[in-house]
């Protein structure tokens, strides 16, 4: 199955409507960074030396921070619900 010009135009129109014209360059930039990171990883895998890219370390740190924030929110909710249960019983 081949895509004609009208199918491609329709797909582009739907993407612009869903994401908005402002987000598309940002998404494509993130996509390009991912490809560059992948290529650097493949190149480092051939030489056996680790990559010295600070970009690959930042998402891991962000993920750890997000996990800690989620755990803190969950603990706060659990503490709040426990206090409500005690107040209802007492």
PDB file of N, CA and C in Angstrom:
ATOM      1  N   UNK A   1       0.845  -1.177   0.000  1.00  0.00           N
ATOM      2  CA  UNK A   1       0.000   0.000   0.000  1.00  0.00           C
ATOM      3  C   UNK A   1       0.888   1.235   0.000  1.00  0.00           C
ATOM      4  N   UNK A   2       0.653   2.108  -0.921  1.00  0.00           N
ATOM      5  CA  UNK A   2       1.426   3.341  -0.995  1.00  0.00           C
ATOM      6  C   UNK A   2       0.567   4.510  -0.559  1.00  0.00           C
ATOM      7  N   UNK A   3       1.215   5.481   0.001  1.00  0.00           N
ATOM      8  CA  UNK A   3       0.512   6.676   0.447  1.00  0.00           C
ATOM      9  C   UNK A   3       0.542   7.718  -0.659  1.00  0.00           C
ATOM     10  N   UNK A   4      -0.601   8.249  -0.976  1.00  0.00           N
ATOM     11  CA  UNK A   4      -0.688   9.328  -1.937  1.00  0.00           C
ATOM     12  C   UNK A   4      -0.498  10.661  -1.252  1.00  0.00           C
ATOM     13  N   UNK A   5      -0.487  11.694  -2.026  1.00  0.00           N
ATOM     14  CA  UNK A   5      -0.263  13.036  -1.478  1.00  0.00           C
ATOM     15  C   UNK A   5      -1.381  13.438  -0.525  1.00  0.00           C
ATOM     16  N   UNK A   6      -2.624  13.041  -0.816  1.00  0.00           N
ATOM     17  CA  UNK A   6      -3.742  13.436   0.048  1.00  0.00           C
ATOM     18  C   UNK A   6      -3.709  12.723   1.397  1.00  0.00           C
ATOM     19  N   UNK A   7      -3.258  11.484   1.411  1.00  0.00           N
ATOM     20  CA  UNK A   7      -3.138  10.774   2.688  1.00  0.00           C
ATOM     21  C   UNK A   7      -2.059  11.420   3.553  1.00  0.00           C
ATOM     22  N   UNK A   8      -0.944  11.801   2.946  1.00  0.00           N
ATOM     23  CA  UNK A   8       0.135  12.448   3.690  1.00  0.00           C
ATOM     24  C   UNK A   8      -0.322  13.801   4.220  1.00  0.00           C
ATOM     25  N   UNK A   9      -1.029  14.573   3.399  1.00  0.00           N
ATOM     26  CA  UNK A   9      -1.548  15.871   3.835  1.00  0.00           C
ATOM     27  C   UNK A   9      -2.511  15.690   5.001  1.00  0.00           C
ATOM     28  N   UNK A  10      -3.366  14.687   4.922  1.00  0.00           N
ATOM     29  CA  UNK A  10      -4.320  14.424   6.003  1.00  0.00           C
ATOM     30  C   UNK A  10      -3.602  14.037   7.293  1.00  0.00           C
ATOM     31  N   UNK A  11      -2.579  13.218   7.197  1.00  0.00           N
ATOM     32  CA  UNK A  11      -1.823  12.806   8.387  1.00  0.00           C
ATOM     33  C   UNK A  11      -1.127  14.016   9.014  1.00  0.00           C
ATOM     34  N   UNK A  12      -0.516  14.853   8.180  1.00  0.00           N
ATOM     35  CA  UNK A  12       0.157  16.053   8.697  1.00  0.00           C
ATOM     36  C   UNK A  12      -0.848  16.984   9.359  1.00  0.00           C
ATOM     37  N   UNK A  13      -2.004  17.149   8.761  1.00  0.00           N
ATOM     38  CA  UNK A  13      -3.046  18.005   9.325  1.00  0.00           C
ATOM     39  C   UNK A  13      -3.505  17.492  10.687  1.00  0.00           C
ATOM     40  N   UNK A  14      -3.703  16.188  10.809  1.00  0.00           N
ATOM     41  CA  UNK A  14      -4.130  15.603  12.085  1.00  0.00           C
ATOM     42  C   UNK A  14      -3.047  15.787  13.142  1.00  0.00           C
ATOM     43  N   UNK A  15      -1.786  15.589  12.758  1.00  0.00           N
ATOM     44  CA  UNK A  15      -0.683  15.763  13.716  1.00  0.00           C
ATOM     45  C   UNK A  15      -0.620  17.207  14.198  1.00  0.00           C
ATOM     46  N   UNK A  16      -0.784  18.170  13.293  1.00  0.00           N
ATOM     47  CA  UNK A  16      -0.754  19.582  13.681  1.00  0.00           C
ATOM     48  C   UNK A  16      -1.929  19.904  14.600  1.00  0.00           C
ATOM     49  N   UNK A  17      -3.090  19.343  14.316  1.00  0.00           N
ATOM     50  CA  UNK A  17      -4.253  19.601  15.164  1.00  0.00           C
ATOM     51  C   UNK A  17      -4.090  18.994  16.548  1.00  0.00           C
ATOM     52  N   UNK A  18      -3.513  17.801  16.614  1.00  0.00           N
ATOM     53  CA  UNK A  18      -3.369  17.123  17.899  1.00  0.00           C
ATOM     54  C   UNK A  18      -2.277  17.771  18.750  1.00  0.00           C
ATOM     55  N   UNK A  19      -1.111  17.989  18.170  1.00  0.00           N
ATOM     56  CA  UNK A  19       0.013  18.491  18.941  1.00  0.00           C
ATOM     57  C   UNK A  19       0.116  20.008  18.951  1.00  0.00           C
ATOM     58  N   UNK A  20      -0.430  20.652  17.981  1.00  0.00           N
ATOM     59  CA  UNK A  20      -0.286  22.097  17.873  1.00  0.00           C
ATOM     60  C   UNK A  20       1.022  22.447  17.179  1.00  0.00           C
ATOM     61  N   UNK A  21       1.037  23.554  16.493  1.00  0.00           N
ATOM     62  CA  UNK A  21       2.211  23.936  15.707  1.00  0.00           C
ATOM     63  C   UNK A  21       3.405  24.257  16.598  1.00  0.00           C
ATOM     64  N   UNK A  22       3.191  24.687  17.828  1.00  0.00           N
ATOM     65  CA  UNK A  22       4.290  25.052  18.714  1.00  0.00           C
ATOM     66  C   UNK A  22       5.037  23.868  19.286  1.00  0.00           C
ATOM     67  N   UNK A  23       4.358  22.749  19.478  1.00  0.00           N
ATOM     68  CA  UNK A  23       5.000  21.598  20.103  1.00  0.00           C
ATOM     69  C   UNK A  23       5.769  20.727  19.121  1.00  0.00           C
ATOM     70  N   UNK A  24       5.448  20.806  17.849  1.00  0.00           N
ATOM     71  CA  UNK A  24       6.076  19.924  16.866  1.00  0.00           C
ATOM     72  C   UNK A  24       7.589  20.138  16.797  1.00  0.00           C
ATOM     73  N   UNK A  25       8.110  21.379  16.719  1.00  0.00           N
ATOM     74  CA  UNK A  25       9.571  21.533  16.704  1.00  0.00           C
ATOM     75  C   UNK A  25      10.243  20.995  17.966  1.00  0.00           C
ATOM     76  N   UNK A  26       9.597  21.160  19.103  1.00  0.00           N
ATOM     77  CA  UNK A  26      10.156  20.655  20.355  1.00  0.00           C
ATOM     78  C   UNK A  26      10.191  19.125  20.365  1.00  0.00           C
ATOM     79  N   UNK A  27       9.121  18.505  19.872  1.00  0.00           N
ATOM     80  CA  UNK A  27       9.075  17.045  19.811  1.00  0.00           C
ATOM     81  C   UNK A  27      10.136  16.526  18.850  1.00  0.00           C
ATOM     82  N   UNK A  28      10.272  17.175  17.703  1.00  0.00           N
ATOM     83  CA  UNK A  28      11.271  16.739  16.732  1.00  0.00           C
ATOM     84  C   UNK A  28      12.684  16.955  17.270  1.00  0.00           C
ATOM     85  N   UNK A  29      12.901  18.021  18.032  1.00  0.00           N
ATOM     86  CA  UNK A  29      14.209  18.245  18.658  1.00  0.00           C
ATOM     87  C   UNK A  29      14.539  17.151  19.659  1.00  0.00           C
ATOM     88  N   UNK A  30      13.564  16.759  20.462  1.00  0.00           N
ATOM     89  CA  UNK A  30      13.759  15.665  21.411  1.00  0.00           C
ATOM     90  C   UNK A  30      14.039  14.359  20.684  1.00  0.00           C
ATOM     91  N   UNK A  31      13.347  14.158  19.569  1.00  0.00           N
ATOM     92  CA  UNK A  31      13.553  12.959  18.763  1.00  0.00           C
ATOM     93  C   UNK A  31      14.975  12.939  18.208  1.00  0.00           C
ATOM     94  N   UNK A  32      15.456  14.095  17.735  1.00  0.00           N
ATOM     95  CA  UNK A  32      16.814  14.190  17.197  1.00  0.00           C
ATOM     96  C   UNK A  32      17.851  13.928  18.287  1.00  0.00           C
ATOM     97  N   UNK A  33      17.612  14.441  19.492  1.00  0.00           N
ATOM     98  CA  UNK A  33      18.539  14.188  20.603  1.00  0.00           C
ATOM     99  C   UNK A  33      18.593  12.696  20.934  1.00  0.00           C
ATOM    100  N   UNK A  34      17.439  12.042  20.874  1.00  0.00           N
ATOM    101  CA  UNK A  34      17.400  10.606  21.125  1.00  0.00           C
ATOM    102  C   UNK A  34      18.190   9.828  20.092  1.00  0.00           C
ATOM    103  N   UNK A  35      18.080  10.232  18.828  1.00  0.00           N
ATOM    104  CA  UNK A  35      18.826   9.559  17.771  1.00  0.00           C
ATOM    105  C   UNK A  35      20.325   9.779  17.961  1.00  0.00           C
ATOM    106  N   UNK A  36      20.722  11.013  18.292  1.00  0.00           N
ATOM    107  CA  UNK A  36      22.142  11.296  18.513  1.00  0.00           C
ATOM    108  C   UNK A  36      22.678  10.484  19.685  1.00  0.00           C
ATOM    109  N   UNK A  37      21.901  10.389  20.741  1.00  0.00           N
ATOM    110  CA  UNK A  37      22.312   9.607  21.901  1.00  0.00           C
ATOM    111  C   UNK A  37      22.453   8.132  21.545  1.00  0.00           C
ATOM    112  N   UNK A  38      21.522   7.630  20.749  1.00  0.00           N
ATOM    113  CA  UNK A  38      21.577   6.236  20.323  1.00  0.00           C
ATOM    114  C   UNK A  38      22.827   5.994  19.485  1.00  0.00           C
ATOM    115  N   UNK A  39      23.110   6.893  18.542  1.00  0.00           N
ATOM    116  CA  UNK A  39      24.296   6.735  17.701  1.00  0.00           C
ATOM    117  C   UNK A  39      25.566   6.788  18.532  1.00  0.00           C
ATOM    118  N   UNK A  40      25.621   7.690  19.513  1.00  0.00           N
ATOM    119  CA  UNK A  40      26.791   7.779  20.377  1.00  0.00           C
ATOM    120  C   UNK A  40      26.955   6.493  21.182  1.00  0.00           C
ATOM    121  N   UNK A  41      25.853   5.937  21.637  1.00  0.00           N
ATOM    122  CA  UNK A  41      25.906   4.681  22.374  1.00  0.00           C
ATOM    123  C   UNK A  41      26.383   3.528  21.513  1.00  0.00           C
ATOM    124  N   UNK A  42      25.938   3.512  20.271  1.00  0.00           N
ATOM    125  CA  UNK A  42      26.379   2.460  19.358  1.00  0.00           C
ATOM    126  C   UNK A  42      27.872   2.604  19.063  1.00  0.00           C
ATOM    127  N   UNK A  43      28.334   3.843  18.898  1.00  0.00           N
ATOM    128  CA  UNK A  43      29.750   4.079  18.609  1.00  0.00           C
ATOM    129  C   UNK A  43      30.591   3.681  19.817  1.00  0.00           C
ATOM    130  N   UNK A  44      30.140   4.012  21.021  1.00  0.00           N
ATOM    131  CA  UNK A  44      30.876   3.658  22.234  1.00  0.00           C
ATOM    132  C   UNK A  44      30.861   2.162  22.467  1.00  0.00           C
ATOM    133  N   UNK A  45      29.809   1.497  22.049  1.00  0.00           N
ATOM    134  CA  UNK A  45      29.743   0.051  22.186  1.00  0.00           C
ATOM    135  C   UNK A  45      30.778  -0.642  21.324  1.00  0.00           C
ATOM    136  N   UNK A  46      31.118  -0.057  20.181  1.00  0.00           N
ATOM    137  CA  UNK A  46      32.124  -0.637  19.304  1.00  0.00           C
ATOM    138  C   UNK A  46      33.528  -0.457  19.867  1.00  0.00           C
ATOM    139  N   UNK A  47      33.791   0.689  20.491  1.00  0.00           N
ATOM    140  CA  UNK A  47      35.130   0.959  21.001  1.00  0.00           C
ATOM    141  C   UNK A  47      35.328   0.405  22.407  1.00  0.00           C
ATOM    142  N   UNK A  48      34.259   0.166  23.131  1.00  0.00           N
ATOM    143  CA  UNK A  48      34.355  -0.359  24.481  1.00  0.00           C
ATOM    144  C   UNK A  48      34.539   0.697  25.540  1.00  0.00           C
ATOM    145  N   UNK A  49      34.561   1.974  25.145  1.00  0.00           N
ATOM    146  CA  UNK A  49      34.719   3.054  26.106  1.00  0.00           C
ATOM    147  C   UNK A  49      33.356   3.649  26.431  1.00  0.00           C
ATOM    148  N   UNK A  50      33.110   4.007  27.681  1.00  0.00           N
ATOM    149  CA  UNK A  50      31.815   4.607  28.031  1.00  0.00           C
ATOM    150  C   UNK A  50      31.687   6.013  27.472  1.00  0.00           C
ATOM    151  N   UNK A  51      30.455   6.392  27.194  1.00  0.00           N
ATOM    152  CA  UNK A  51      30.187   7.736  26.664  1.00  0.00           C
ATOM    153  C   UNK A  51      30.333   8.759  27.771  1.00  0.00           C
ATOM    154  N   UNK A  52      30.810   9.928  27.429  1.00  0.00           N
ATOM    155  CA  UNK A  52      30.913  11.015  28.387  1.00  0.00           C
ATOM    156  C   UNK A  52      29.893  12.068  28.008  1.00  0.00           C
ATOM    157  N   UNK A  53      28.642  11.667  28.056  1.00  0.00           N
ATOM    158  CA  UNK A  53      27.553  12.560  27.662  1.00  0.00           C
ATOM    159  C   UNK A  53      26.732  12.886  28.889  1.00  0.00           C
ATOM    160  N   UNK A  54      26.654  14.167  29.213  1.00  0.00           N
ATOM    161  CA  UNK A  54      25.865  14.570  30.372  1.00  0.00           C
ATOM    162  C   UNK A  54      24.381  14.468  30.069  1.00  0.00           C
ATOM    163  N   UNK A  55      24.005  14.460  28.789  1.00  0.00           N
ATOM    164  CA  UNK A  55      22.595  14.371  28.417  1.00  0.00           C
ATOM    165  C   UNK A  55      22.016  13.022  28.813  1.00  0.00           C
ATOM    166  N   UNK A  56      22.821  11.952  28.754  1.00  0.00           N
ATOM    167  CA  UNK A  56      22.300  10.641  29.108  1.00  0.00           C
ATOM    168  C   UNK A  56      22.139  10.489  30.617  1.00  0.00           C
ATOM    169  N   UNK A  57      22.859  11.263  31.410  1.00  0.00           N
ATOM    170  CA  UNK A  57      22.751  11.163  32.862  1.00  0.00           C
ATOM    171  C   UNK A  57      21.591  11.972  33.402  1.00  0.00           C
ATOM    172  N   UNK A  58      21.210  13.038  32.754  1.00  0.00           N
ATOM    173  CA  UNK A  58      20.153  13.905  33.259  1.00  0.00           C
ATOM    174  C   UNK A  58      18.794  13.224  33.324  1.00  0.00           C
ATOM    175  N   UNK A  59      18.377  12.434  32.330  1.00  0.00           N
ATOM    176  CA  UNK A  59      17.078  11.777  32.454  1.00  0.00           C
ATOM    177  C   UNK A  59      17.038  10.796  33.631  1.00  0.00           C
ATOM    178  N   UNK A  60      18.154  10.115  33.897  1.00  0.00           N
ATOM    179  CA  UNK A  60      18.179   9.181  35.020  1.00  0.00           C
ATOM    180  C   UNK A  60      18.007   9.930  36.335  1.00  0.00           C
ATOM    181  N   UNK A  61      18.684  11.052  36.459  1.00  0.00           N
ATOM    182  CA  UNK A  61      18.541  11.845  37.676  1.00  0.00           C
ATOM    183  C   UNK A  61      17.125  12.372  37.799  1.00  0.00           C
ATOM    184  N   UNK A  62      16.550  12.778  36.701  1.00  0.00           N
ATOM    185  CA  UNK A  62      15.179  13.278  36.703  1.00  0.00           C
ATOM    186  C   UNK A  62      14.210  12.175  37.088  1.00  0.00           C
ATOM    187  N   UNK A  63      14.440  10.973  36.582  1.00  0.00           N
ATOM    188  CA  UNK A  63      13.567   9.850  36.898  1.00  0.00           C
ATOM    189  C   UNK A  63      13.649   9.506  38.381  1.00  0.00           C
ATOM    190  N   UNK A  64      14.869   9.556  38.933  1.00  0.00           N
ATOM    191  CA  UNK A  64      15.019   9.281  40.363  1.00  0.00           C
ATOM    192  C   UNK A  64      14.294  10.344  41.182  1.00  0.00           C
ATOM    193  N   UNK A  65      14.398  11.595  40.767  1.00  0.00           N
ATOM    194  CA  UNK A  65      13.711  12.681  41.465  1.00  0.00           C
ATOM    195  C   UNK A  65      12.209  12.535  41.374  1.00  0.00           C
ATOM    196  N   UNK A  66      11.723  12.132  40.200  1.00  0.00           N
ATOM    197  CA  UNK A  66      10.288  11.908  40.029  1.00  0.00           C
ATOM    198  C   UNK A  66       9.812  10.779  40.919  1.00  0.00           C
ATOM    199  N   UNK A  67      10.603   9.704  41.004  1.00  0.00           N
ATOM    200  CA  UNK A  67      10.219   8.570  41.835  1.00  0.00           C
ATOM    201  C   UNK A  67      10.159   8.972  43.303  1.00  0.00           C
ATOM    202  N   UNK A  68      11.126   9.776  43.739  1.00  0.00           N
ATOM    203  CA  UNK A  68      11.125  10.232  45.129  1.00  0.00           C
ATOM    204  C   UNK A  68       9.918  11.121  45.403  1.00  0.00           C
ATOM    205  N   UNK A  69       9.569  11.980  44.436  1.00  0.00           N
ATOM    206  CA  UNK A  69       8.416  12.861  44.612  1.00  0.00           C
ATOM    207  C   UNK A  69       7.127  12.054  44.686  1.00  0.00           C
ATOM    208  N   UNK A  70       7.012  11.037  43.854  1.00  0.00           N
ATOM    209  CA  UNK A  70       5.815  10.195  43.868  1.00  0.00           C
ATOM    210  C   UNK A  70       5.724   9.447  45.193  1.00  0.00           C
ATOM    211  N   UNK A  71       6.848   8.917  45.667  1.00  0.00           N
ATOM    212  CA  UNK A  71       6.843   8.212  46.947  1.00  0.00           C
ATOM    213  C   UNK A  71       6.459   9.148  48.087  1.00  0.00           C
ATOM    214  N   UNK A  72       6.943  10.380  48.050  1.00  0.00           N
ATOM    215  CA  UNK A  72       6.606  11.353  49.095  1.00  0.00           C
ATOM    216  C   UNK A  72       5.122  11.693  49.057  1.00  0.00           C
ATOM    217  N   UNK A  73       4.568  11.863  47.863  1.00  0.00           N
ATOM    218  CA  UNK A  73       3.136  12.154  47.741  1.00  0.00           C
ATOM    219  C   UNK A  73       2.303  10.983  48.236  1.00  0.00           C
ATOM    220  N   UNK A  74       2.723   9.767  47.890  1.00  0.00           N
ATOM    221  CA  UNK A  74       1.994   8.581  48.323  1.00  0.00           C
ATOM    222  C   UNK A  74       2.027   8.458  49.840  1.00  0.00           C
ATOM    223  N   UNK A  75       3.187   8.717  50.441  1.00  0.00           N
ATOM    224  CA  UNK A  75       3.311   8.647  51.897  1.00  0.00           C
ATOM    225  C   UNK A  75       2.427   9.699  52.550  1.00  0.00           C
ATOM    226  N   UNK A  76       2.375  10.885  51.974  1.00  0.00           N
ATOM    227  CA  UNK A  76       1.549  11.946  52.535  1.00  0.00           C
ATOM    228  C   UNK A  76       0.071  11.580  52.457  1.00  0.00           C
ATOM    229  N   UNK A  77      -0.341  10.988  51.359  1.00  0.00           N
ATOM    230  CA  UNK A  77      -1.736  10.569  51.217  1.00  0.00           C
ATOM    231  C   UNK A  77      -2.053   9.462  52.200  1.00  0.00           C
ATOM    232  N   UNK A  78      -1.123   8.494  52.344  1.00  0.00           N
ATOM    233  CA  UNK A  78      -1.339   7.396  53.288  1.00  0.00           C
ATOM    234  C   UNK A  78      -1.437   7.919  54.717  1.00  0.00           C
ATOM    235  N   UNK A  79      -0.588   8.877  55.076  1.00  0.00           N
ATOM    236  CA  UNK A  79      -0.621   9.453  56.413  1.00  0.00           C
ATOM    237  C   UNK A  79      -1.928  10.201  56.640  1.00  0.00           C
ATOM    238  N   UNK A  80      -2.355  10.951  55.645  1.00  0.00           N
ATOM    239  CA  UNK A  80      -3.607  11.702  55.763  1.00  0.00           C
ATOM    240  C   UNK A  80      -4.801  10.795  55.904  1.00  0.00           C
ATOM    241  N   UNK A  81      -4.835   9.697  55.142  1.00  0.00           N
ATOM    242  CA  UNK A  81      -5.965   8.777  55.239  1.00  0.00           C
ATOM    243  C   UNK A  81      -5.945   8.039  56.570  1.00  0.00           C
ATOM    244  N   UNK A  82      -4.744   7.748  57.119  1.00  0.00           N
ATOM    245  CA  UNK A  82      -4.659   7.088  58.407  1.00  0.00           C
ATOM    246  C   UNK A  82      -5.190   7.997  59.510  1.00  0.00           C
ATOM    247  N   UNK A  83      -4.888   9.276  59.432  1.00  0.00           N
ATOM    248  CA  UNK A  83      -5.361  10.229  60.427  1.00  0.00           C
ATOM    249  C   UNK A  83      -6.886  10.350  60.352  1.00  0.00           C
ATOM    250  N   UNK A  84      -7.426  10.341  59.138  1.00  0.00           N
ATOM    251  CA  UNK A  84      -8.876  10.422  58.983  1.00  0.00           C
ATOM    252  C   UNK A  84      -9.559   9.191  59.570  1.00  0.00           C
ATOM    253  N   UNK A  85      -8.948   8.015  59.367  1.00  0.00           N
ATOM    254  CA  UNK A  85      -9.488   6.783  59.909  1.00  0.00           C
ATOM    255  C   UNK A  85      -9.477   6.816  61.438  1.00  0.00           C
ATOM    256  N   UNK A  86      -8.381   7.314  62.019  1.00  0.00           N
ATOM    257  CA  UNK A  86      -8.297   7.403  63.467  1.00  0.00           C
ATOM    258  C   UNK A  86      -9.306   8.390  64.014  1.00  0.00           C
ATOM    259  N   UNK A  87      -9.513   9.491  63.321  1.00  0.00           N
ATOM    260  CA  UNK A  87     -10.478  10.487  63.769  1.00  0.00           C
ATOM    261  C   UNK A  87     -11.893   9.937  63.691  1.00  0.00           C
ATOM    262  N   UNK A  88     -12.172   9.161  62.677  1.00  0.00           N
ATOM    263  CA  UNK A  88     -13.505   8.587  62.528  1.00  0.00           C
ATOM    264  C   UNK A  88     -13.765   7.535  63.604  1.00  0.00           C
ATOM    265  N   UNK A  89     -12.745   6.773  63.981  1.00  0.00           N
ATOM    266  CA  UNK A  89     -12.900   5.736  65.005  1.00  0.00           C
ATOM    267  C   UNK A  89     -12.959   6.342  66.406  1.00  0.00           C
ATOM    268  N   UNK A  90     -12.163   7.383  66.599  1.00  0.00           N
ATOM    269  CA  UNK A  90     -11.967   7.921  67.936  1.00  0.00           C
ATOM    270  C   UNK A  90     -12.944   8.934  68.287  1.00  0.00           C
TER     271      UNK A  90
END
